[in-house]
N, C-alpha and C. Protein backbone atom coordinates (compact mmCIF):
# COMPACT_ATOMS: atom_id res chain seq x y z
N MET A 1 9.43 -60.09 14.79
CA MET A 1 8.49 -59.06 15.18
C MET A 1 9.06 -57.66 14.93
N ARG A 2 10.39 -57.53 14.97
CA ARG A 2 10.98 -56.21 14.76
C ARG A 2 10.86 -55.78 13.30
N ILE A 3 10.66 -56.71 12.40
CA ILE A 3 10.58 -56.38 10.98
C ILE A 3 9.33 -55.56 10.68
N ILE A 4 8.23 -55.86 11.31
CA ILE A 4 6.98 -55.13 11.04
C ILE A 4 7.11 -53.66 11.41
N PRO A 5 7.59 -53.28 12.64
CA PRO A 5 7.73 -51.84 12.92
C PRO A 5 8.70 -51.14 11.98
N ILE A 6 9.80 -51.81 11.62
CA ILE A 6 10.77 -51.19 10.71
C ILE A 6 10.13 -51.00 9.34
N PHE A 7 9.38 -52.00 8.86
CA PHE A 7 8.70 -51.90 7.58
C PHE A 7 7.69 -50.75 7.60
N LEU A 8 6.93 -50.63 8.69
CA LEU A 8 5.94 -49.56 8.80
C LEU A 8 6.61 -48.19 8.81
N MET A 9 7.76 -48.10 9.50
CA MET A 9 8.48 -46.84 9.54
C MET A 9 9.01 -46.47 8.15
N LEU A 10 9.55 -47.44 7.41
CA LEU A 10 10.03 -47.18 6.06
C LEU A 10 8.88 -46.77 5.14
N LEU A 11 7.74 -47.42 5.31
CA LEU A 11 6.57 -47.09 4.51
C LEU A 11 6.12 -45.65 4.79
N ALA A 12 6.13 -45.28 6.06
CA ALA A 12 5.74 -43.92 6.43
C ALA A 12 6.70 -42.90 5.83
N PHE A 13 8.01 -43.17 5.92
CA PHE A 13 8.99 -42.24 5.34
C PHE A 13 8.86 -42.15 3.84
N SER A 14 8.58 -43.26 3.18
CA SER A 14 8.43 -43.20 1.72
C SER A 14 7.19 -42.40 1.36
N GLY A 15 6.15 -42.49 2.16
CA GLY A 15 4.94 -41.69 1.93
C GLY A 15 5.23 -40.22 2.11
N CYS A 16 6.05 -39.86 3.10
CA CYS A 16 6.44 -38.46 3.31
C CYS A 16 7.25 -37.97 2.13
N SER A 17 8.12 -38.82 1.62
CA SER A 17 8.95 -38.43 0.49
C SER A 17 8.09 -38.16 -0.74
N ASP A 18 7.12 -39.02 -1.01
CA ASP A 18 6.23 -38.79 -2.15
C ASP A 18 5.45 -37.51 -1.97
N SER A 19 4.99 -37.26 -0.75
CA SER A 19 4.23 -36.05 -0.47
C SER A 19 5.12 -34.82 -0.66
N LEU A 20 6.35 -34.89 -0.21
CA LEU A 20 7.30 -33.79 -0.37
C LEU A 20 7.58 -33.55 -1.85
N ASP A 21 7.80 -34.64 -2.61
CA ASP A 21 8.04 -34.50 -4.05
C ASP A 21 6.86 -33.83 -4.73
N ALA A 22 5.63 -34.18 -4.34
CA ALA A 22 4.43 -33.58 -4.94
C ALA A 22 4.38 -32.10 -4.63
N ARG A 23 4.69 -31.72 -3.39
CA ARG A 23 4.68 -30.30 -3.02
C ARG A 23 5.76 -29.55 -3.78
N GLN A 24 6.94 -30.13 -3.90
CA GLN A 24 8.02 -29.45 -4.61
C GLN A 24 7.67 -29.25 -6.08
N SER A 25 6.98 -30.22 -6.69
CA SER A 25 6.63 -30.05 -8.09
C SER A 25 5.57 -28.97 -8.28
N GLU A 26 4.81 -28.66 -7.22
CA GLU A 26 3.82 -27.59 -7.31
C GLU A 26 4.47 -26.22 -7.31
N VAL A 27 5.67 -26.09 -6.75
CA VAL A 27 6.36 -24.80 -6.67
C VAL A 27 7.18 -24.65 -7.96
N SER A 28 6.48 -24.58 -9.09
CA SER A 28 7.20 -24.65 -10.34
C SER A 28 7.03 -23.44 -11.25
N ALA A 29 6.10 -22.56 -10.96
CA ALA A 29 5.92 -21.41 -11.85
C ALA A 29 7.13 -20.49 -11.77
N SER A 30 7.61 -20.07 -12.91
CA SER A 30 8.79 -19.21 -12.94
C SER A 30 8.40 -17.76 -12.68
N LYS A 31 9.40 -16.99 -12.36
CA LYS A 31 9.22 -15.55 -12.18
C LYS A 31 8.68 -14.91 -13.46
N ILE A 32 9.14 -15.38 -14.59
CA ILE A 32 8.67 -14.87 -15.89
C ILE A 32 7.20 -15.22 -16.09
N GLU A 33 6.84 -16.46 -15.79
CA GLU A 33 5.45 -16.90 -15.96
C GLU A 33 4.52 -16.11 -15.04
N LEU A 34 4.91 -15.93 -13.79
CA LEU A 34 4.07 -15.20 -12.83
C LEU A 34 3.98 -13.72 -13.17
N GLY A 35 5.02 -13.16 -13.76
CA GLY A 35 5.00 -11.75 -14.12
C GLY A 35 4.27 -11.44 -15.42
N GLN A 36 3.87 -12.48 -16.15
CA GLN A 36 3.20 -12.27 -17.43
C GLN A 36 1.90 -11.49 -17.26
N MET A 37 1.19 -11.73 -16.16
CA MET A 37 -0.07 -11.03 -15.92
C MET A 37 0.14 -9.52 -15.99
N ASN A 38 1.17 -9.02 -15.32
CA ASN A 38 1.40 -7.57 -15.31
C ASN A 38 1.96 -7.05 -16.62
N ARG A 39 2.74 -7.85 -17.33
CA ARG A 39 3.20 -7.42 -18.66
C ARG A 39 2.02 -7.30 -19.61
N ASP A 40 1.09 -8.26 -19.55
CA ASP A 40 -0.13 -8.19 -20.38
C ASP A 40 -1.00 -7.00 -19.96
N PHE A 41 -1.06 -6.75 -18.67
CA PHE A 41 -1.83 -5.62 -18.14
C PHE A 41 -1.26 -4.30 -18.66
N ALA A 42 0.06 -4.14 -18.58
CA ALA A 42 0.71 -2.90 -19.07
C ALA A 42 0.48 -2.73 -20.56
N ALA A 43 0.59 -3.82 -21.32
CA ALA A 43 0.35 -3.74 -22.77
C ALA A 43 -1.08 -3.31 -23.05
N ALA A 44 -2.04 -3.81 -22.27
CA ALA A 44 -3.45 -3.43 -22.46
C ALA A 44 -3.65 -1.95 -22.17
N LEU A 45 -3.06 -1.43 -21.10
CA LEU A 45 -3.19 0.00 -20.80
C LEU A 45 -2.55 0.84 -21.90
N ASN A 46 -1.39 0.42 -22.37
CA ASN A 46 -0.72 1.16 -23.45
C ASN A 46 -1.55 1.15 -24.73
N ALA A 47 -2.33 0.09 -24.93
CA ALA A 47 -3.22 -0.01 -26.10
C ALA A 47 -4.57 0.67 -25.83
N LYS A 48 -4.71 1.25 -24.65
CA LYS A 48 -5.96 1.92 -24.23
C LYS A 48 -7.16 0.97 -24.27
N ASP A 49 -6.92 -0.26 -23.80
CA ASP A 49 -7.93 -1.31 -23.83
C ASP A 49 -8.27 -1.74 -22.40
N ALA A 50 -9.27 -1.09 -21.82
CA ALA A 50 -9.66 -1.36 -20.44
C ALA A 50 -10.18 -2.78 -20.27
N LYS A 51 -10.87 -3.30 -21.27
CA LYS A 51 -11.40 -4.67 -21.19
C LYS A 51 -10.25 -5.68 -21.10
N ALA A 52 -9.22 -5.51 -21.92
CA ALA A 52 -8.06 -6.42 -21.88
C ALA A 52 -7.30 -6.26 -20.56
N ALA A 53 -7.23 -5.04 -20.04
CA ALA A 53 -6.57 -4.82 -18.74
C ALA A 53 -7.33 -5.57 -17.64
N ALA A 54 -8.66 -5.45 -17.65
CA ALA A 54 -9.48 -6.10 -16.64
C ALA A 54 -9.46 -7.62 -16.78
N ALA A 55 -9.21 -8.12 -17.98
CA ALA A 55 -9.15 -9.57 -18.21
C ALA A 55 -7.97 -10.23 -17.50
N GLN A 56 -7.07 -9.42 -16.94
CA GLN A 56 -5.92 -9.95 -16.20
C GLN A 56 -6.28 -10.23 -14.74
N TYR A 57 -7.53 -10.01 -14.39
CA TYR A 57 -8.02 -10.18 -13.02
C TYR A 57 -9.10 -11.25 -12.97
N THR A 58 -9.23 -11.91 -11.84
CA THR A 58 -10.32 -12.86 -11.64
C THR A 58 -11.63 -12.10 -11.56
N GLU A 59 -12.74 -12.80 -11.74
CA GLU A 59 -14.07 -12.16 -11.68
C GLU A 59 -14.30 -11.46 -10.35
N ASP A 60 -13.75 -12.01 -9.26
CA ASP A 60 -13.98 -11.45 -7.92
C ASP A 60 -12.77 -10.69 -7.37
N ALA A 61 -11.91 -10.24 -8.26
CA ALA A 61 -10.67 -9.56 -7.86
C ALA A 61 -10.95 -8.26 -7.11
N VAL A 62 -9.93 -7.83 -6.37
CA VAL A 62 -10.00 -6.61 -5.58
C VAL A 62 -8.77 -5.75 -5.90
N LEU A 63 -9.01 -4.47 -6.22
CA LEU A 63 -7.93 -3.49 -6.37
C LEU A 63 -7.94 -2.58 -5.16
N ILE A 64 -6.75 -2.24 -4.70
CA ILE A 64 -6.62 -1.29 -3.59
C ILE A 64 -5.72 -0.15 -4.06
N PRO A 65 -6.31 0.82 -4.78
CA PRO A 65 -5.52 1.93 -5.29
C PRO A 65 -5.15 2.89 -4.16
N PRO A 66 -4.01 3.55 -4.27
CA PRO A 66 -3.59 4.47 -3.21
C PRO A 66 -4.53 5.67 -3.10
N GLY A 67 -5.01 5.93 -1.90
CA GLY A 67 -5.84 7.10 -1.64
C GLY A 67 -7.23 7.05 -2.26
N GLU A 68 -7.68 5.88 -2.70
CA GLU A 68 -8.98 5.75 -3.33
C GLU A 68 -9.76 4.60 -2.71
N ALA A 69 -11.03 4.54 -3.04
CA ALA A 69 -11.88 3.45 -2.55
C ALA A 69 -11.45 2.12 -3.17
N ILE A 70 -11.69 1.05 -2.46
CA ILE A 70 -11.42 -0.30 -2.97
C ILE A 70 -12.34 -0.56 -4.16
N VAL A 71 -11.79 -1.22 -5.17
CA VAL A 71 -12.54 -1.57 -6.38
C VAL A 71 -12.72 -3.08 -6.37
N ARG A 72 -13.99 -3.53 -6.43
CA ARG A 72 -14.28 -4.96 -6.32
C ARG A 72 -14.92 -5.51 -7.59
N GLY A 73 -14.34 -6.59 -8.11
CA GLY A 73 -14.90 -7.29 -9.25
C GLY A 73 -14.34 -6.82 -10.58
N ARG A 74 -14.27 -7.76 -11.52
CA ARG A 74 -13.68 -7.47 -12.83
C ARG A 74 -14.41 -6.35 -13.56
N GLU A 75 -15.73 -6.32 -13.48
CA GLU A 75 -16.48 -5.28 -14.17
C GLU A 75 -16.12 -3.89 -13.63
N ALA A 76 -16.04 -3.76 -12.31
CA ALA A 76 -15.68 -2.48 -11.70
C ALA A 76 -14.23 -2.12 -12.00
N ILE A 77 -13.37 -3.13 -12.08
CA ILE A 77 -11.96 -2.89 -12.43
C ILE A 77 -11.86 -2.36 -13.86
N GLU A 78 -12.66 -2.93 -14.76
CA GLU A 78 -12.68 -2.43 -16.13
C GLU A 78 -13.12 -0.98 -16.16
N GLU A 79 -14.14 -0.62 -15.42
CA GLU A 79 -14.61 0.77 -15.38
C GLU A 79 -13.55 1.69 -14.78
N TYR A 80 -12.86 1.23 -13.75
CA TYR A 80 -11.80 2.01 -13.11
C TYR A 80 -10.73 2.38 -14.15
N TRP A 81 -10.23 1.37 -14.88
CA TRP A 81 -9.16 1.62 -15.84
C TRP A 81 -9.68 2.36 -17.07
N ARG A 82 -10.94 2.14 -17.44
CA ARG A 82 -11.52 2.89 -18.56
C ARG A 82 -11.52 4.39 -18.21
N GLY A 83 -11.89 4.71 -16.99
CA GLY A 83 -11.89 6.11 -16.56
C GLY A 83 -10.51 6.72 -16.63
N ALA A 84 -9.51 5.99 -16.18
CA ALA A 84 -8.14 6.50 -16.23
C ALA A 84 -7.67 6.70 -17.66
N ILE A 85 -8.01 5.73 -18.53
CA ILE A 85 -7.61 5.83 -19.94
C ILE A 85 -8.30 7.02 -20.60
N GLU A 86 -9.61 7.17 -20.37
CA GLU A 86 -10.36 8.25 -21.02
C GLU A 86 -9.88 9.63 -20.57
N LEU A 87 -9.40 9.73 -19.34
CA LEU A 87 -8.86 11.01 -18.87
C LEU A 87 -7.47 11.27 -19.45
N GLY A 88 -6.92 10.27 -20.11
CA GLY A 88 -5.56 10.40 -20.64
C GLY A 88 -4.54 10.37 -19.52
N ALA A 89 -4.96 9.83 -18.38
CA ALA A 89 -4.13 9.88 -17.19
C ALA A 89 -3.11 8.75 -17.10
N VAL A 90 -3.19 7.76 -17.98
CA VAL A 90 -2.28 6.61 -17.89
C VAL A 90 -1.76 6.27 -19.28
N ARG A 91 -0.44 6.34 -19.44
CA ARG A 91 0.17 5.95 -20.71
C ARG A 91 1.64 5.61 -20.47
N ASP A 92 2.25 5.04 -21.47
CA ASP A 92 3.67 4.64 -21.40
C ASP A 92 3.95 3.80 -20.15
N VAL A 93 3.11 2.79 -19.94
CA VAL A 93 3.21 1.94 -18.75
C VAL A 93 4.26 0.85 -18.98
N SER A 94 5.13 0.66 -17.99
CA SER A 94 6.07 -0.46 -18.02
C SER A 94 6.16 -1.04 -16.61
N VAL A 95 6.40 -2.34 -16.54
CA VAL A 95 6.50 -3.03 -15.26
C VAL A 95 7.75 -3.89 -15.24
N GLU A 96 8.25 -4.14 -14.05
CA GLU A 96 9.39 -5.03 -13.87
C GLU A 96 9.16 -5.88 -12.64
N THR A 97 9.16 -7.18 -12.81
CA THR A 97 8.98 -8.11 -11.69
C THR A 97 10.24 -8.12 -10.84
N MET A 98 10.08 -7.93 -9.53
CA MET A 98 11.21 -8.02 -8.61
C MET A 98 11.28 -9.42 -8.00
N ASP A 99 10.12 -9.96 -7.61
CA ASP A 99 10.07 -11.27 -6.98
C ASP A 99 8.73 -11.90 -7.31
N ALA A 100 8.70 -13.21 -7.43
CA ALA A 100 7.46 -13.93 -7.67
C ALA A 100 7.67 -15.38 -7.29
N GLN A 101 6.66 -15.94 -6.64
CA GLN A 101 6.71 -17.35 -6.25
C GLN A 101 5.30 -17.90 -6.27
N SER A 102 5.23 -19.23 -6.34
CA SER A 102 3.92 -19.88 -6.30
C SER A 102 4.03 -21.22 -5.62
N THR A 103 2.90 -21.67 -5.15
CA THR A 103 2.72 -23.03 -4.64
C THR A 103 1.38 -23.50 -5.16
N GLY A 104 1.39 -24.55 -5.94
CA GLY A 104 0.14 -25.02 -6.51
C GLY A 104 -0.46 -23.96 -7.41
N SER A 105 -1.71 -23.62 -7.16
CA SER A 105 -2.40 -22.65 -8.02
C SER A 105 -2.42 -21.25 -7.42
N LEU A 106 -1.65 -21.01 -6.36
CA LEU A 106 -1.59 -19.69 -5.74
C LEU A 106 -0.18 -19.13 -5.83
N GLY A 107 -0.08 -17.82 -6.04
CA GLY A 107 1.22 -17.20 -6.13
C GLY A 107 1.15 -15.72 -5.85
N TYR A 108 2.29 -15.08 -5.94
CA TYR A 108 2.35 -13.63 -5.77
C TYR A 108 3.44 -13.07 -6.67
N GLU A 109 3.34 -11.80 -6.92
CA GLU A 109 4.37 -11.08 -7.66
C GLU A 109 4.54 -9.71 -7.01
N THR A 110 5.78 -9.29 -6.82
CA THR A 110 6.07 -7.92 -6.42
C THR A 110 6.90 -7.31 -7.54
N GLY A 111 6.73 -6.02 -7.73
CA GLY A 111 7.47 -5.39 -8.81
C GLY A 111 7.44 -3.89 -8.72
N SER A 112 8.01 -3.29 -9.74
CA SER A 112 8.01 -1.83 -9.84
C SER A 112 7.36 -1.46 -11.17
N PHE A 113 6.83 -0.24 -11.20
CA PHE A 113 6.21 0.25 -12.43
C PHE A 113 6.65 1.67 -12.70
N MET A 114 6.50 2.04 -13.95
CA MET A 114 6.72 3.42 -14.36
C MET A 114 5.62 3.72 -15.38
N LEU A 115 5.02 4.89 -15.28
CA LEU A 115 4.00 5.30 -16.22
C LEU A 115 3.96 6.81 -16.29
N THR A 116 3.35 7.30 -17.33
CA THR A 116 3.18 8.74 -17.50
C THR A 116 1.75 9.09 -17.16
N VAL A 117 1.58 10.11 -16.34
CA VAL A 117 0.25 10.60 -15.96
C VAL A 117 0.19 12.09 -16.24
N ASN A 118 -1.02 12.61 -16.30
CA ASN A 118 -1.18 14.05 -16.41
C ASN A 118 -1.10 14.67 -15.03
N GLY A 119 -0.24 15.65 -14.87
CA GLY A 119 -0.14 16.37 -13.60
C GLY A 119 -1.31 17.34 -13.45
N PRO A 120 -1.40 18.02 -12.30
CA PRO A 120 -2.51 18.96 -12.05
C PRO A 120 -2.60 20.07 -13.10
N ASP A 121 -1.46 20.42 -13.69
CA ASP A 121 -1.45 21.48 -14.71
C ASP A 121 -1.61 20.92 -16.13
N GLY A 122 -1.85 19.61 -16.23
CA GLY A 122 -2.01 18.98 -17.54
C GLY A 122 -0.71 18.51 -18.17
N GLU A 123 0.40 18.88 -17.56
CA GLU A 123 1.71 18.46 -18.07
C GLU A 123 1.97 17.00 -17.72
N ALA A 124 2.70 16.30 -18.59
CA ALA A 124 3.05 14.90 -18.37
C ALA A 124 4.03 14.77 -17.21
N VAL A 125 3.74 13.83 -16.33
CA VAL A 125 4.59 13.55 -15.17
C VAL A 125 4.87 12.06 -15.16
N ILE A 126 6.12 11.68 -14.95
CA ILE A 126 6.47 10.27 -14.84
C ILE A 126 6.26 9.84 -13.40
N ASP A 127 5.46 8.79 -13.23
CA ASP A 127 5.14 8.24 -11.91
C ASP A 127 5.84 6.89 -11.78
N ARG A 128 6.54 6.71 -10.67
CA ARG A 128 7.21 5.45 -10.38
C ARG A 128 6.66 4.89 -9.09
N GLY A 129 6.51 3.57 -9.05
CA GLY A 129 5.97 2.97 -7.83
C GLY A 129 6.26 1.49 -7.75
N ARG A 130 5.62 0.86 -6.77
CA ARG A 130 5.78 -0.56 -6.50
C ARG A 130 4.40 -1.19 -6.41
N TYR A 131 4.34 -2.48 -6.63
CA TYR A 131 3.06 -3.17 -6.56
C TYR A 131 3.21 -4.56 -5.98
N VAL A 132 2.10 -5.09 -5.50
CA VAL A 132 1.99 -6.48 -5.06
C VAL A 132 0.73 -7.05 -5.69
N GLU A 133 0.85 -8.19 -6.31
CA GLU A 133 -0.30 -8.90 -6.87
C GLU A 133 -0.37 -10.28 -6.23
N LEU A 134 -1.54 -10.65 -5.74
CA LEU A 134 -1.79 -12.03 -5.33
C LEU A 134 -2.41 -12.70 -6.55
N LEU A 135 -1.91 -13.87 -6.89
CA LEU A 135 -2.28 -14.52 -8.14
C LEU A 135 -2.90 -15.89 -7.93
N ARG A 136 -3.76 -16.26 -8.86
CA ARG A 136 -4.34 -17.60 -8.87
C ARG A 136 -4.31 -18.11 -10.31
N ARG A 137 -3.88 -19.36 -10.47
CA ARG A 137 -3.85 -19.96 -11.81
C ARG A 137 -5.27 -20.33 -12.20
N ASP A 138 -5.68 -19.86 -13.38
CA ASP A 138 -7.01 -20.14 -13.90
C ASP A 138 -7.03 -21.55 -14.51
N THR A 139 -8.20 -22.02 -14.85
CA THR A 139 -8.33 -23.37 -15.41
C THR A 139 -7.58 -23.52 -16.73
N ASP A 140 -7.35 -22.42 -17.44
CA ASP A 140 -6.59 -22.50 -18.70
C ASP A 140 -5.09 -22.35 -18.49
N GLY A 141 -4.65 -22.27 -17.22
CA GLY A 141 -3.22 -22.19 -16.90
C GLY A 141 -2.66 -20.79 -16.78
N ARG A 142 -3.46 -19.78 -17.11
CA ARG A 142 -2.99 -18.38 -16.98
C ARG A 142 -3.04 -17.95 -15.52
N TRP A 143 -2.09 -17.12 -15.14
CA TRP A 143 -2.09 -16.53 -13.80
C TRP A 143 -2.86 -15.22 -13.86
N LEU A 144 -3.88 -15.09 -12.99
CA LEU A 144 -4.70 -13.88 -12.91
C LEU A 144 -4.57 -13.29 -11.51
N SER A 145 -4.73 -12.00 -11.42
CA SER A 145 -4.66 -11.32 -10.12
C SER A 145 -5.98 -11.47 -9.37
N THR A 146 -5.87 -11.78 -8.09
CA THR A 146 -7.05 -11.79 -7.21
C THR A 146 -7.09 -10.53 -6.37
N HIS A 147 -5.92 -9.97 -6.08
CA HIS A 147 -5.80 -8.75 -5.27
C HIS A 147 -4.58 -7.97 -5.77
N GLY A 148 -4.76 -6.69 -5.99
CA GLY A 148 -3.66 -5.84 -6.43
C GLY A 148 -3.61 -4.57 -5.62
N ILE A 149 -2.41 -4.18 -5.24
CA ILE A 149 -2.21 -2.94 -4.50
C ILE A 149 -0.92 -2.30 -5.01
N TRP A 150 -0.89 -0.99 -5.06
CA TRP A 150 0.33 -0.30 -5.49
C TRP A 150 0.46 1.03 -4.75
N ASN A 151 1.68 1.56 -4.78
CA ASN A 151 1.93 2.88 -4.18
C ASN A 151 3.14 3.51 -4.87
N ALA A 152 3.36 4.75 -4.56
CA ALA A 152 4.48 5.49 -5.16
C ALA A 152 5.80 5.05 -4.53
N SER A 153 6.85 5.13 -5.32
CA SER A 153 8.19 4.88 -4.79
C SER A 153 8.59 6.04 -3.88
N PRO A 154 9.45 5.81 -2.91
CA PRO A 154 9.81 6.86 -1.96
C PRO A 154 10.79 7.88 -2.50
N GLU A 155 11.09 7.84 -3.79
CA GLU A 155 12.07 8.77 -4.39
C GLU A 155 11.58 10.19 -4.38
C-alpha cells in the first residue's frame, strides 16, 4: 500500500519538473533579440521614416512622452513621429539596451538613448535619456512595443 502514495508523489514531482522545464525554456529571448525593436526604431527615425518607426509598435500600443499627452495606437504613433521628423526635431538617434528579459511572449527592455534635437534657438542640442519598453512577441516572432516611456537623463 505504501507504493501507491510514493508513486503518486514521484509522479507529481515529475510533473512539476516538466512544468518548470517548460517555463525555463520560455525565458529564452536574449538581450540582443529584445533590443532589436529599439535599434530598428532608431534606424527608422534616422531614415526619416515615420511609418517604419511606428511598425515597431503593436496596433494598440501606448506612448507616454515626457510632458505631453499619451499617444494611443500605431496610427497615432506614426503621426507623432512624423511630426517630430518634419520639424527636424529628431536626428542622429542611437540606443543602447541596459537590461532586457522575457517570459513566453512578454518582455521588457530598459535602455539609454542619445539624439540630436533643435533647441529653442534652432541650434542643434544633444539630448540624452532613458527608456522603458514593454514588449510582446508578434506571431512572426518579432518583438514589438506595447508601451513605451522615456525621460531625460539627470545629467
